[in-house]
Protein backbone atom coordinates (compact mmCIF):
# COMPACT_ATOMS: atom_id res chain seq x y z
CA PRO A 1 6.35 9.34 15.31
CA VAL A 2 5.86 5.59 15.65
CA TRP A 3 2.44 4.29 16.69
CA ARG A 4 2.97 0.69 15.72
CA ASP A 5 6.47 -0.59 15.12
CA GLU A 6 7.78 -3.39 12.92
CA ILE A 7 7.41 -5.90 15.74
CA ALA A 8 3.68 -5.19 16.08
CA ALA A 9 3.16 -5.51 12.32
CA LEU A 10 5.05 -8.80 12.19
CA ARG A 11 3.20 -10.26 15.19
CA CYS A 12 -0.15 -9.51 13.56
CA THR A 13 0.95 -11.10 10.30
CA GLU A 14 2.25 -14.17 12.14
CA ARG A 15 -1.10 -14.45 13.92
CA LEU A 16 -2.99 -14.28 10.62
CA VAL A 17 -0.88 -17.07 9.13
CA ARG A 18 -1.34 -19.19 12.25
CA ILE A 19 -5.14 -18.76 12.04
CA ALA A 20 -5.08 -19.52 8.31
CA ARG A 21 -3.24 -22.76 8.96
CA GLN A 22 -5.57 -23.74 11.81
CA THR A 23 -8.64 -23.16 9.64
CA ARG A 24 -7.05 -24.45 6.41
CA ALA A 25 -7.77 -21.15 4.72
CA ARG A 26 -5.75 -19.03 2.33
CA ILE A 27 -5.23 -15.35 3.12
CA HIS A 28 -4.23 -12.19 1.27
CA VAL A 29 -2.52 -9.61 3.49
CA LEU A 30 -3.17 -6.03 2.40
CA HIS A 31 -0.81 -3.08 2.75
CA ILE A 32 2.38 -4.80 3.90
CA SER A 33 4.53 -2.08 5.40
CA THR A 34 7.67 -3.79 6.73
CA ALA A 35 10.51 -5.87 5.32
CA GLU A 36 10.09 -8.25 8.24
CA GLU A 37 6.58 -9.16 7.09
CA ILE A 38 7.79 -9.83 3.55
CA VAL A 39 10.57 -12.13 4.77
CA PHE A 40 8.07 -14.00 6.97
CA LEU A 41 5.44 -14.32 4.24
CA GLU A 42 8.00 -15.64 1.74
CA GLN A 43 8.18 -18.70 3.98
CA HIS A 44 4.39 -19.14 3.95
CA LYS A 45 3.49 -18.79 0.27
CA ASP A 46 1.41 -21.94 0.52
CA VAL A 47 -1.24 -20.08 2.57
CA ALA A 48 -0.57 -16.37 2.08
CA THR A 49 -0.16 -13.72 -0.58
CA CYS A 50 0.37 -10.02 0.04
CA GLU A 51 0.52 -6.56 -1.49
CA ALA A 52 1.97 -3.15 -0.67
CA THR A 53 0.79 0.35 -1.51
CA PRO A 54 2.95 2.81 -3.48
CA HIS A 55 3.42 5.10 -0.49
CA HIS A 56 4.66 2.23 1.66
CA LEU A 57 7.21 1.41 -1.05
CA THR A 58 8.46 4.94 -1.74
CA LEU A 59 8.16 7.10 1.39
CA THR A 60 10.42 6.90 4.44
CA ALA A 61 10.51 8.36 7.94
CA ASP A 62 12.87 11.04 6.58
CA ASP A 63 10.02 12.39 4.43
CA TYR A 64 8.06 13.19 7.60
CA ALA A 65 10.17 16.30 8.24
CA ARG A 66 9.07 17.72 4.89
CA LEU A 67 5.46 16.51 4.68
CA GLY A 68 4.46 16.24 8.34
CA THR A 69 1.08 14.73 9.11
CA LEU A 70 0.32 14.21 5.43
CA LEU A 71 2.43 11.07 5.80
CA GLN A 72 0.55 9.58 8.72
CA MET A 73 -1.12 6.36 7.70
CA ASN A 74 -2.46 3.29 9.33
CA PRO A 75 -0.82 0.75 9.40
CA PRO A 76 2.59 2.37 9.87
């Protein structure tokens, strides 16, 4: 199941970068979960760094059939 899709994740990350620029702050985005966010943040290295968790890097939607709700995490 999808609760928040890639578009929602990217929009939130874009908003964070916009706020960082407006306030002249640097940000560190935790738990990146989409390729779209990584591509976006590569263009904004001057204000943002990021990290991903092991399960976001290694598990896929296909694993849900085997592991069920054990795979549910927030963000998606």
